[in-house]
Amino acid sequence: MTGLPLLITGGTGLLGLHWAAARRETQPVTLALHRRRIALPGTTARPLNLADPHDLDAAMTEDRIACIIHTAGLTSVERCEQDPEAAHHHNVTLAATVAAAAERAGAALIHISTDHLFDGRADLYDEDSPATPVNVYGQTKARAEEAVLRAHPRALVLRTNFYGWGPSHRPSFSDWLLTSLRQDRPLRLFTDMRYTPTHITPLIEAAMALSAKGASGIVNAVGDEALSKHAFGLRLADHFGLSPARIEPARLADQPDLVRRPLSMALSTRRLHALLGHGLGGIDAHLDLLRAQEETPAITEIRSL
């Protein structure tokens, strides 16, 4: 897909910004913006109403978009639970509208889903595992997958959980951990919640490779290793040479005031391996990459936004 114009929704978010920065030297990139206005050199910023099919059609035509990367959505589990209507609008309705626009234009679509789709009773979930979400966020993301594939049967739907250096207005999970560790603040991380996180860079590379191969349907695009949030924090501290002394173990099962979350969100990557011949890599390689990127110009640029 080198050289073909991309439209990235959620253009001010962690994934949208990294995707734009990764692709801007090889293909035209339009960043779809909502409330926040930013400028990322080498890209075109375009205020876009994702609820308006006419606005979307105009963007597709004027910018000659060949592929939409749909990263926008309401990702706060708490906010989704508090306002189910807003969650459905942002996660289901807008996703379906974007998918329909891509289909009308004959453009490819990469839709970003989540690992938050199951009840957490299994050790590992594959693409055929029935969705059994335990909260509103998971329910809307499961419905979004169905709506997207109805509107755009050739769409590529990626279930994932990623981290990386985030913009100043929206720090990522790894940003929060590193800031807390460097400021010697206590951290309570869950020992009973397992997931398969990936660094954002190999995720983007794999997504573009899958799209170039014409892959469609649901693909789990996560790291090769399942671990707890607590174990992730300890590994992060070790790779950055920081003391883990302030990282305290906690249990999600002992947090009755939190919106319910699955204890296991770990995803199988067998289909990803079959399609690409490899996975995204393990935690150690990804944390080495995170550290190596910290002072690079592209990351400094993203973190300043």
C-alpha atoms as a PDB file:
ATOM      1  CA  MET A   1       0.000   0.000   0.000  1.00  0.00           C
ATOM      2  CA  THR A   2       3.050   2.263  -0.341  1.00  0.00           C
ATOM      3  CA  GLY A   3       2.162   5.566  -1.991  1.00  0.00           C
ATOM      4  CA  LEU A   4      -1.609   5.226  -1.673  1.00  0.00           C
ATOM      5  CA  PRO A   5      -3.368   7.914   0.405  1.00  0.00           C
ATOM      6  CA  LEU A   6      -4.460   7.033   3.950  1.00  0.00           C
ATOM      7  CA  LEU A   7      -7.180   8.571   6.104  1.00  0.00           C
ATOM      8  CA  ILE A   8      -6.622   8.004   9.820  1.00  0.00           C
ATOM      9  CA  THR A   9      -9.500   8.656  12.207  1.00  0.00           C
ATOM     10  CA  GLY A  10      -8.729   9.412  15.830  1.00  0.00           C
ATOM     11  CA  GLY A  11      -5.919  11.568  14.506  1.00  0.00           C
ATOM     12  CA  THR A  12      -4.951  13.051  17.869  1.00  0.00           C
ATOM     13  CA  GLY A  13      -4.773   9.731  19.724  1.00  0.00           C
ATOM     14  CA  LEU A  14      -1.844   7.458  20.496  1.00  0.00           C
ATOM     15  CA  LEU A  15      -2.366   4.995  17.651  1.00  0.00           C
ATOM     16  CA  GLY A  16      -3.450   7.562  15.074  1.00  0.00           C
ATOM     17  CA  LEU A  17      -0.405   9.762  15.634  1.00  0.00           C
ATOM     18  CA  HIS A  18       2.044   6.864  15.570  1.00  0.00           C
ATOM     19  CA  TRP A  19       0.457   5.476  12.416  1.00  0.00           C
ATOM     20  CA  ALA A  20       0.685   8.842  10.692  1.00  0.00           C
ATOM     21  CA  ALA A  21       4.299   9.354  11.746  1.00  0.00           C
ATOM     22  CA  ALA A  22       5.224   5.872  10.536  1.00  0.00           C
ATOM     23  CA  ARG A  23       3.652   6.255   7.084  1.00  0.00           C
ATOM     24  CA  ARG A  24       4.008   9.956   6.191  1.00  0.00           C
ATOM     25  CA  GLU A  25       7.291   9.502   4.300  1.00  0.00           C
ATOM     26  CA  THR A  26       5.932   6.754   2.043  1.00  0.00           C
ATOM     27  CA  GLN A  27       2.344   7.793   1.369  1.00  0.00           C
ATOM     28  CA  PRO A  28       0.001  10.788   1.733  1.00  0.00           C
ATOM     29  CA  VAL A  29      -1.650  10.808   5.178  1.00  0.00           C
ATOM     30  CA  THR A  30      -4.793  12.701   6.164  1.00  0.00           C
ATOM     31  CA  LEU A  31      -5.445  12.956   9.905  1.00  0.00           C
ATOM     32  CA  ALA A  32      -9.150  13.214  10.699  1.00  0.00           C
ATOM     33  CA  LEU A  33      -9.619  15.564  13.655  1.00  0.00           C
ATOM     34  CA  HIS A  34     -12.570  16.144  15.968  1.00  0.00           C
ATOM     35  CA  ARG A  35     -12.364  18.669  18.821  1.00  0.00           C
ATOM     36  CA  ARG A  36      -8.620  18.960  19.313  1.00  0.00           C
ATOM     37  CA  ARG A  37      -6.611  20.648  16.567  1.00  0.00           C
ATOM     38  CA  ILE A  38      -3.020  19.573  15.976  1.00  0.00           C
ATOM     39  CA  ALA A  39      -0.455  19.778  13.211  1.00  0.00           C
ATOM     40  CA  LEU A  40       1.854  16.842  12.514  1.00  0.00           C
ATOM     41  CA  PRO A  41       4.439  17.798   9.866  1.00  0.00           C
ATOM     42  CA  GLY A  42       4.230  15.745   6.713  1.00  0.00           C
ATOM     43  CA  THR A  43       0.506  15.068   7.099  1.00  0.00           C
ATOM     44  CA  THR A  44      -2.737  16.852   6.237  1.00  0.00           C
ATOM     45  CA  ALA A  45      -5.013  17.730   9.153  1.00  0.00           C
ATOM     46  CA  ARG A  46      -8.700  17.631   8.251  1.00  0.00           C
ATOM     47  CA  PRO A  47     -11.579  18.414  10.647  1.00  0.00           C
ATOM     48  CA  LEU A  48     -14.078  15.665   9.909  1.00  0.00           C
ATOM     49  CA  ASN A  49     -17.531  14.792  11.206  1.00  0.00           C
ATOM     50  CA  LEU A  50     -17.558  11.004  11.242  1.00  0.00           C
ATOM     51  CA  ALA A  51     -21.314  10.998  11.770  1.00  0.00           C
ATOM     52  CA  ASP A  52     -21.888  12.780   8.441  1.00  0.00           C
ATOM     53  CA  PRO A  53     -21.713  10.489   5.384  1.00  0.00           C
ATOM     54  CA  HIS A  54     -21.496  13.504   3.060  1.00  0.00           C
ATOM     55  CA  ASP A  55     -18.487  14.888   4.949  1.00  0.00           C
ATOM     56  CA  LEU A  56     -16.829  11.481   4.781  1.00  0.00           C
ATOM     57  CA  ASP A  57     -17.569  11.089   1.073  1.00  0.00           C
ATOM     58  CA  ALA A  58     -16.072  14.517   0.381  1.00  0.00           C
ATOM     59  CA  ALA A  59     -12.898  13.592   2.242  1.00  0.00           C
ATOM     60  CA  MET A  60     -12.621  10.297   0.382  1.00  0.00           C
ATOM     61  CA  THR A  61     -12.989  12.028  -2.981  1.00  0.00           C
ATOM     62  CA  GLU A  62     -10.931  15.169  -2.373  1.00  0.00           C
ATOM     63  CA  ASP A  63      -8.005  13.358  -0.732  1.00  0.00           C
ATOM     64  CA  ARG A  64      -8.308  10.293  -3.019  1.00  0.00           C
ATOM     65  CA  ILE A  65      -8.262   7.984  -0.018  1.00  0.00           C
ATOM     66  CA  ALA A  66      -7.320   4.365  -0.748  1.00  0.00           C
ATOM     67  CA  CYS A  67      -7.512   3.102   2.839  1.00  0.00           C
ATOM     68  CA  ILE A  68      -9.123   4.235   6.092  1.00  0.00           C
ATOM     69  CA  ILE A  69      -7.487   3.369   9.406  1.00  0.00           C
ATOM     70  CA  HIS A  70     -10.297   3.659  11.955  1.00  0.00           C
ATOM     71  CA  THR A  71      -8.730   4.194  15.389  1.00  0.00           C
ATOM     72  CA  ALA A  72     -11.343   6.586  16.814  1.00  0.00           C
ATOM     73  CA  GLY A  73     -13.626   5.492  19.629  1.00  0.00           C
ATOM     74  CA  LEU A  74     -14.615   5.888  23.257  1.00  0.00           C
ATOM     75  CA  THR A  75     -12.115   3.705  25.100  1.00  0.00           C
ATOM     76  CA  SER A  76     -12.684   4.620  28.754  1.00  0.00           C
ATOM     77  CA  VAL A  77     -14.365   1.629  30.402  1.00  0.00           C
ATOM     78  CA  GLU A  78     -15.786   3.875  33.108  1.00  0.00           C
ATOM     79  CA  ARG A  79     -17.178   6.485  30.722  1.00  0.00           C
ATOM     80  CA  CYS A  80     -18.797   3.820  28.579  1.00  0.00           C
ATOM     81  CA  GLU A  81     -20.510   2.325  31.623  1.00  0.00           C
ATOM     82  CA  GLN A  82     -21.736   5.751  32.746  1.00  0.00           C
ATOM     83  CA  ASP A  83     -23.074   6.723  29.313  1.00  0.00           C
ATOM     84  CA  PRO A  84     -24.047   3.680  27.220  1.00  0.00           C
ATOM     85  CA  GLU A  85     -25.675   5.847  24.540  1.00  0.00           C
ATOM     86  CA  ALA A  86     -22.472   7.796  23.968  1.00  0.00           C
ATOM     87  CA  ALA A  87     -20.504   4.547  23.951  1.00  0.00           C
ATOM     88  CA  HIS A  88     -22.793   3.077  21.288  1.00  0.00           C
ATOM     89  CA  HIS A  89     -22.601   6.245  19.196  1.00  0.00           C
ATOM     90  CA  HIS A  90     -18.813   6.511  19.244  1.00  0.00           C
ATOM     91  CA  ASN A  91     -17.969   2.822  19.083  1.00  0.00           C
ATOM     92  CA  VAL A  92     -20.745   1.330  16.951  1.00  0.00           C
ATOM     93  CA  THR A  93     -22.582   3.997  14.958  1.00  0.00           C
ATOM     94  CA  LEU A  94     -19.501   5.931  13.874  1.00  0.00           C
ATOM     95  CA  ALA A  95     -17.588   2.746  13.069  1.00  0.00           C
ATOM     96  CA  ALA A  96     -20.418   1.575  10.817  1.00  0.00           C
ATOM     97  CA  THR A  97     -20.648   4.990   9.139  1.00  0.00           C
ATOM     98  CA  VAL A  98     -16.911   5.030   8.438  1.00  0.00           C
ATOM     99  CA  ALA A  99     -17.030   1.458   7.120  1.00  0.00           C
ATOM    100  CA  ALA A 100     -19.892   2.317   4.781  1.00  0.00           C
ATOM    101  CA  ALA A 101     -17.975   5.324   3.460  1.00  0.00           C
ATOM    102  CA  ALA A 102     -14.937   3.167   2.733  1.00  0.00           C
ATOM    103  CA  GLU A 103     -17.122   0.610   0.961  1.00  0.00           C
ATOM    104  CA  ARG A 104     -18.806   3.294  -1.187  1.00  0.00           C
ATOM    105  CA  ALA A 105     -15.411   4.626  -2.212  1.00  0.00           C
ATOM    106  CA  GLY A 106     -13.979   1.194  -2.950  1.00  0.00           C
ATOM    107  CA  ALA A 107     -11.317   1.823  -0.309  1.00  0.00           C
ATOM    108  CA  ALA A 108      -9.715  -0.629   2.076  1.00  0.00           C
ATOM    109  CA  LEU A 109     -10.533  -0.418   5.784  1.00  0.00           C
ATOM    110  CA  ILE A 110      -8.537  -1.357   8.864  1.00  0.00           C
ATOM    111  CA  HIS A 111     -10.765  -1.231  11.936  1.00  0.00           C
ATOM    112  CA  ILE A 112      -9.148  -1.254  15.369  1.00  0.00           C
ATOM    113  CA  SER A 113     -10.962  -3.412  17.879  1.00  0.00           C
ATOM    114  CA  THR A 114      -9.976  -4.592  21.362  1.00  0.00           C
ATOM    115  CA  ASP A 115      -9.136  -7.593  23.529  1.00  0.00           C
ATOM    116  CA  HIS A 116     -11.887  -6.558  25.955  1.00  0.00           C
ATOM    117  CA  LEU A 117     -14.523  -8.822  24.365  1.00  0.00           C
ATOM    118  CA  PHE A 118     -14.681 -11.851  26.639  1.00  0.00           C
ATOM    119  CA  ASP A 119     -15.716 -12.926  30.131  1.00  0.00           C
ATOM    120  CA  GLY A 120     -12.147 -13.866  31.075  1.00  0.00           C
ATOM    121  CA  ARG A 121     -12.799 -17.497  31.930  1.00  0.00           C
ATOM    122  CA  ALA A 122     -10.502 -18.941  29.250  1.00  0.00           C
ATOM    123  CA  ASP A 123      -6.715 -18.759  29.256  1.00  0.00           C
ATOM    124  CA  LEU A 124      -6.519 -17.738  25.596  1.00  0.00           C
ATOM    125  CA  TYR A 125      -9.035 -16.533  23.009  1.00  0.00           C
ATOM    126  CA  ASP A 126      -8.838 -16.952  19.242  1.00  0.00           C
ATOM    127  CA  GLU A 127     -10.738 -15.187  16.464  1.00  0.00           C
ATOM    128  CA  ASP A 128     -13.558 -17.734  16.565  1.00  0.00           C
ATOM    129  CA  SER A 129     -14.157 -17.503  20.308  1.00  0.00           C
ATOM    130  CA  PRO A 130     -17.710 -16.204  20.908  1.00  0.00           C
ATOM    131  CA  ALA A 131     -17.771 -12.656  22.266  1.00  0.00           C
ATOM    132  CA  THR A 132     -18.979 -12.626  25.877  1.00  0.00           C
ATOM    133  CA  PRO A 133     -18.310  -9.052  27.042  1.00  0.00           C
ATOM    134  CA  VAL A 134     -18.814  -8.168  30.699  1.00  0.00           C
ATOM    135  CA  ASN A 135     -19.205  -4.384  30.392  1.00  0.00           C
ATOM    136  CA  VAL A 136     -20.620  -1.720  28.089  1.00  0.00           C
ATOM    137  CA  TYR A 137     -17.281  -0.963  26.472  1.00  0.00           C
ATOM    138  CA  GLY A 138     -16.802  -4.584  25.457  1.00  0.00           C
ATOM    139  CA  GLN A 139     -20.410  -4.863  24.299  1.00  0.00           C
ATOM    140  CA  THR A 140     -20.083  -1.864  21.998  1.00  0.00           C
ATOM    141  CA  LYS A 141     -16.770  -3.022  20.556  1.00  0.00           C
ATOM    142  CA  ALA A 142     -18.238  -6.465  19.828  1.00  0.00           C
ATOM    143  CA  ARG A 143     -21.219  -4.866  18.092  1.00  0.00           C
ATOM    144  CA  ALA A 144     -18.856  -2.597  16.183  1.00  0.00           C
ATOM    145  CA  GLU A 145     -17.019  -5.577  14.716  1.00  0.00           C
ATOM    146  CA  GLU A 146     -20.306  -6.996  13.443  1.00  0.00           C
ATOM    147  CA  ALA A 147     -21.478  -3.637  12.079  1.00  0.00           C
ATOM    148  CA  VAL A 148     -18.180  -2.945  10.320  1.00  0.00           C
ATOM    149  CA  LEU A 149     -18.061  -6.325   8.593  1.00  0.00           C
ATOM    150  CA  ARG A 150     -21.687  -5.974   7.476  1.00  0.00           C
ATOM    151  CA  ALA A 151     -20.998  -2.567   5.950  1.00  0.00           C
ATOM    152  CA  HIS A 152     -17.582  -3.504   4.519  1.00  0.00           C
ATOM    153  CA  PRO A 153     -17.180  -7.289   4.128  1.00  0.00           C
ATOM    154  CA  ARG A 154     -13.538  -6.934   3.024  1.00  0.00           C
ATOM    155  CA  ALA A 155     -12.533  -4.958   6.114  1.00  0.00           C
ATOM    156  CA  LEU A 156      -9.602  -6.015   8.279  1.00  0.00           C
ATOM    157  CA  VAL A 157     -10.573  -5.989  11.965  1.00  0.00           C
ATOM    158  CA  LEU A 158      -7.637  -6.048  14.378  1.00  0.00           C
ATOM    159  CA  ARG A 159      -8.145  -7.070  17.990  1.00  0.00           C
ATOM    160  CA  THR A 160      -5.278  -5.602  19.955  1.00  0.00           C
ATOM    161  CA  ASN A 161      -3.918  -3.982  23.121  1.00  0.00           C
ATOM    162  CA  PHE A 162      -1.000  -1.641  22.557  1.00  0.00           C
ATOM    163  CA  TYR A 163       1.335   0.792  24.293  1.00  0.00           C
ATOM    164  CA  GLY A 164       3.918   3.367  23.241  1.00  0.00           C
ATOM    165  CA  TRP A 165       4.987   6.958  23.761  1.00  0.00           C
ATOM    166  CA  GLY A 166       1.850   9.080  23.839  1.00  0.00           C
ATOM    167  CA  PRO A 167       1.077  12.761  23.240  1.00  0.00           C
ATOM    168  CA  SER A 168       1.176  15.106  26.233  1.00  0.00           C
ATOM    169  CA  HIS A 169      -2.618  15.494  26.273  1.00  0.00           C
ATOM    170  CA  ARG A 170      -3.192  11.735  26.509  1.00  0.00           C
ATOM    171  CA  PRO A 171      -0.402   9.693  28.121  1.00  0.00           C
ATOM    172  CA  SER A 172      -0.405   5.956  27.467  1.00  0.00           C
ATOM    173  CA  PHE A 173      -0.324   3.151  30.051  1.00  0.00           C
ATOM    174  CA  SER A 174       3.443   2.817  29.671  1.00  0.00           C
ATOM    175  CA  ASP A 175       3.810   6.614  29.967  1.00  0.00           C
ATOM    176  CA  TRP A 176       1.877   6.555  33.244  1.00  0.00           C
ATOM    177  CA  LEU A 177       3.978   3.711  34.605  1.00  0.00           C
ATOM    178  CA  LEU A 178       7.281   5.358  33.681  1.00  0.00           C
ATOM    179  CA  THR A 179       6.273   8.756  35.059  1.00  0.00           C
ATOM    180  CA  SER A 180       5.202   7.155  38.341  1.00  0.00           C
ATOM    181  CA  LEU A 181       8.407   5.119  38.614  1.00  0.00           C
ATOM    182  CA  ARG A 182      10.640   8.085  37.816  1.00  0.00           C
ATOM    183  CA  GLN A 183       8.825  10.255  40.360  1.00  0.00           C
ATOM    184  CA  ASP A 184       8.980   7.486  42.983  1.00  0.00           C
ATOM    185  CA  ARG A 185       5.209   7.275  43.260  1.00  0.00           C
ATOM    186  CA  PRO A 186       3.530   4.065  44.445  1.00  0.00           C
ATOM    187  CA  LEU A 187       1.926   1.839  41.819  1.00  0.00           C
ATOM    188  CA  ARG A 188      -0.673  -0.845  42.498  1.00  0.00           C
ATOM    189  CA  LEU A 189      -0.839  -3.248  39.556  1.00  0.00           C
ATOM    190  CA  PHE A 190      -3.052  -6.283  39.153  1.00  0.00           C
ATOM    191  CA  THR A 191      -1.537  -9.742  39.457  1.00  0.00           C
ATOM    192  CA  ASP A 192      -4.718 -11.558  38.394  1.00  0.00           C
ATOM    193  CA  MET A 193      -5.408  -9.746  35.096  1.00  0.00           C
ATOM    194  CA  ARG A 194      -3.654 -11.342  32.085  1.00  0.00           C
ATOM    195  CA  TYR A 195      -3.274  -9.834  28.632  1.00  0.00           C
ATOM    196  CA  THR A 196      -1.037  -9.926  25.553  1.00  0.00           C
ATOM    197  CA  PRO A 197       0.159  -6.343  24.966  1.00  0.00           C
ATOM    198  CA  THR A 198       2.155  -5.193  21.969  1.00  0.00           C
ATOM    199  CA  HIS A 199       4.372  -2.237  21.305  1.00  0.00           C
ATOM    200  CA  ILE A 200       2.669   0.084  18.856  1.00  0.00           C
ATOM    201  CA  THR A 201       5.366  -0.002  16.138  1.00  0.00           C
ATOM    202  CA  PRO A 202       5.223  -3.736  15.289  1.00  0.00           C
ATOM    203  CA  LEU A 203       1.430  -3.498  15.431  1.00  0.00           C
ATOM    204  CA  ILE A 204       1.397  -0.830  12.717  1.00  0.00           C
ATOM    205  CA  GLU A 205       3.937  -2.718  10.611  1.00  0.00           C
ATOM    206  CA  ALA A 206       1.900  -5.917  10.840  1.00  0.00           C
ATOM    207  CA  ALA A 207      -1.346  -4.117  10.036  1.00  0.00           C
ATOM    208  CA  MET A 208       0.101  -2.645   6.856  1.00  0.00           C
ATOM    209  CA  ALA A 209       1.578  -6.014   5.864  1.00  0.00           C
ATOM    210  CA  LEU A 210      -1.762  -7.749   6.419  1.00  0.00           C
ATOM    211  CA  SER A 211      -3.555  -5.105   4.375  1.00  0.00           C
ATOM    212  CA  ALA A 212      -1.016  -5.438   1.558  1.00  0.00           C
ATOM    213  CA  LYS A 213      -1.728  -9.173   1.487  1.00  0.00           C
ATOM    214  CA  GLY A 214      -5.453  -8.499   1.205  1.00  0.00           C
ATOM    215  CA  ALA A 215      -6.232 -10.045   4.591  1.00  0.00           C
ATOM    216  CA  SER A 216      -9.777  -9.488   5.811  1.00  0.00           C
ATOM    217  CA  GLY A 217     -11.983 -10.393   8.728  1.00  0.00           C
ATOM    218  CA  ILE A 218     -10.860 -10.589  12.334  1.00  0.00           C
ATOM    219  CA  VAL A 219      -7.182 -11.008  13.225  1.00  0.00           C
ATOM    220  CA  ASN A 220      -5.690 -10.951  16.717  1.00  0.00           C
ATOM    221  CA  ALA A 221      -2.735  -8.550  16.513  1.00  0.00           C
ATOM    222  CA  VAL A 222      -1.075  -8.700  19.915  1.00  0.00           C
ATOM    223  CA  GLY A 223       2.271  -9.610  21.433  1.00  0.00           C
ATOM    224  CA  ASP A 224       3.517 -13.171  21.691  1.00  0.00           C
ATOM    225  CA  GLU A 225       3.540 -13.260  25.492  1.00  0.00           C
ATOM    226  CA  ALA A 226       0.699 -13.267  28.023  1.00  0.00           C
ATOM    227  CA  LEU A 227       1.400 -11.696  31.400  1.00  0.00           C
ATOM    228  CA  SER A 228      -0.240  -9.742  34.208  1.00  0.00           C
ATOM    229  CA  LYS A 229      -0.287  -5.959  34.523  1.00  0.00           C
ATOM    230  CA  HIS A 230       1.943  -6.375  37.588  1.00  0.00           C
ATOM    231  CA  ALA A 231       4.477  -8.450  35.655  1.00  0.00           C
ATOM    232  CA  PHE A 232       4.435  -5.896  32.831  1.00  0.00           C
ATOM    233  CA  GLY A 233       5.254  -3.126  35.304  1.00  0.00           C
ATOM    234  CA  LEU A 234       8.164  -5.088  36.757  1.00  0.00           C
ATOM    235  CA  ARG A 235       9.572  -5.854  33.300  1.00  0.00           C
ATOM    236  CA  LEU A 236       9.207  -2.200  32.281  1.00  0.00           C
ATOM    237  CA  ALA A 237      11.089  -1.022  35.375  1.00  0.00           C
ATOM    238  CA  ASP A 238      13.877  -3.511  34.694  1.00  0.00           C
ATOM    239  CA  HIS A 239      14.323  -2.456  31.060  1.00  0.00           C
ATOM    240  CA  PHE A 240      14.514   1.222  32.008  1.00  0.00           C
ATOM    241  CA  GLY A 241      16.857   0.653  34.952  1.00  0.00           C
ATOM    242  CA  LEU A 242      14.289   1.842  37.484  1.00  0.00           C
ATOM    243  CA  SER A 243      13.624   0.489  40.944  1.00  0.00           C
ATOM    244  CA  PRO A 244      10.557  -1.771  41.180  1.00  0.00           C
ATOM    245  CA  ALA A 245      10.285  -1.169  44.923  1.00  0.00           C
ATOM    246  CA  ARG A 246       7.197   1.039  44.594  1.00  0.00           C
ATOM    247  CA  ILE A 247       5.274  -1.471  42.455  1.00  0.00           C
ATOM    248  CA  GLU A 248       2.788  -3.156  44.757  1.00  0.00           C
ATOM    249  CA  PRO A 249       0.722  -6.244  43.864  1.00  0.00           C
ATOM    250  CA  ALA A 250      -3.056  -5.865  43.793  1.00  0.00           C
ATOM    251  CA  ARG A 251      -5.985  -7.993  42.666  1.00  0.00           C
ATOM    252  CA  LEU A 252      -8.685  -6.890  40.252  1.00  0.00           C
ATOM    253  CA  ALA A 253     -11.011  -9.340  41.980  1.00  0.00           C
ATOM    254  CA  ASP A 254     -10.666  -7.245  45.148  1.00  0.00           C
ATOM    255  CA  GLN A 255     -11.792  -3.975  43.514  1.00  0.00           C
ATOM    256  CA  PRO A 256     -15.607  -3.905  43.854  1.00  0.00           C
ATOM    257  CA  ASP A 257     -15.817  -0.197  42.980  1.00  0.00           C
ATOM    258  CA  LEU A 258     -14.326  -0.648  39.511  1.00  0.00           C
ATOM    259  CA  VAL A 259     -16.462  -1.416  36.474  1.00  0.00           C
ATOM    260  CA  ARG A 260     -16.231  -5.157  35.915  1.00  0.00           C
ATOM    261  CA  ARG A 261     -13.375  -6.261  33.680  1.00  0.00           C
ATOM    262  CA  PRO A 262     -12.327  -9.710  32.422  1.00  0.00           C
ATOM    263  CA  LEU A 263      -9.476 -11.364  34.307  1.00  0.00           C
ATOM    264  CA  SER A 264      -8.109 -12.849  31.076  1.00  0.00           C
ATOM    265  CA  MET A 265      -7.854 -10.870  27.843  1.00  0.00           C
ATOM    266  CA  ALA A 266      -5.020 -12.932  26.359  1.00  0.00           C
ATOM    267  CA  LEU A 267      -5.408 -13.542  22.617  1.00  0.00           C
ATOM    268  CA  SER A 268      -4.056 -16.337  20.443  1.00  0.00           C
ATOM    269  CA  THR A 269      -1.925 -15.224  17.487  1.00  0.00           C
ATOM    270  CA  ARG A 270      -2.072 -18.432  15.454  1.00  0.00           C
ATOM    271  CA  ARG A 271      -3.917 -16.752  12.583  1.00  0.00           C
ATOM    272  CA  LEU A 272      -1.478 -13.840  12.578  1.00  0.00           C
ATOM    273  CA  HIS A 273       1.442 -16.274  12.372  1.00  0.00           C
ATOM    274  CA  ALA A 274      -0.276 -18.156   9.550  1.00  0.00           C
ATOM    275  CA  LEU A 275      -0.857 -14.971   7.550  1.00  0.00           C
ATOM    276  CA  LEU A 276       2.519 -13.297   8.067  1.00  0.00           C
ATOM    277  CA  GLY A 277       4.795 -16.189   8.959  1.00  0.00           C
ATOM    278  CA  HIS A 278       5.676 -14.513  12.251  1.00  0.00           C
ATOM    279  CA  GLY A 279       4.154 -12.807  15.265  1.00  0.00           C
ATOM    280  CA  LEU A 280       4.664  -9.320  16.651  1.00  0.00           C
ATOM    281  CA  GLY A 281       7.368 -10.343  19.121  1.00  0.00           C
ATOM    282  CA  GLY A 282       7.691 -10.659  22.865  1.00  0.00           C
ATOM    283  CA  ILE A 283       7.761  -8.260  25.781  1.00  0.00           C
ATOM    284  CA  ASP A 284      11.540  -7.974  26.124  1.00  0.00           C
ATOM    285  CA  ALA A 285      12.086  -6.971  22.488  1.00  0.00           C
ATOM    286  CA  HIS A 286       9.192  -4.536  22.671  1.00  0.00           C
ATOM    287  CA  LEU A 287      10.421  -2.878  25.863  1.00  0.00           C
ATOM    288  CA  ASP A 288      13.904  -2.564  24.354  1.00  0.00           C
ATOM    289  CA  LEU A 289      12.268  -0.797  21.411  1.00  0.00           C
ATOM    290  CA  LEU A 290      10.280   1.483  23.713  1.00  0.00           C
ATOM    291  CA  ARG A 291      13.456   2.571  25.471  1.00  0.00           C
ATOM    292  CA  ALA A 292      15.391   3.030  22.226  1.00  0.00           C
ATOM    293  CA  GLN A 293      12.659   5.277  20.818  1.00  0.00           C
ATOM    294  CA  GLU A 294      12.372   7.654  23.772  1.00  0.00           C
ATOM    295  CA  GLU A 295      14.675  10.415  22.498  1.00  0.00           C
ATOM    296  CA  THR A 296      14.133   9.949  18.763  1.00  0.00           C
ATOM    297  CA  PRO A 297      12.842  12.943  16.763  1.00  0.00           C
ATOM    298  CA  ALA A 298       9.535  11.300  15.805  1.00  0.00           C
ATOM    299  CA  ILE A 299       8.711  10.369  19.406  1.00  0.00           C
ATOM    300  CA  THR A 300       9.757  13.790  20.692  1.00  0.00           C
ATOM    301  CA  GLU A 301       7.415  15.291  18.106  1.00  0.00           C
ATOM    302  CA  ILE A 302       4.468  13.115  19.184  1.00  0.00           C
ATOM    303  CA  ARG A 303       5.082  13.704  22.899  1.00  0.00           C
ATOM    304  CA  SER A 304       5.075  17.470  22.372  1.00  0.00           C
ATOM    305  CA  LEU A 305       1.556  17.500  20.908  1.00  0.00           C
END
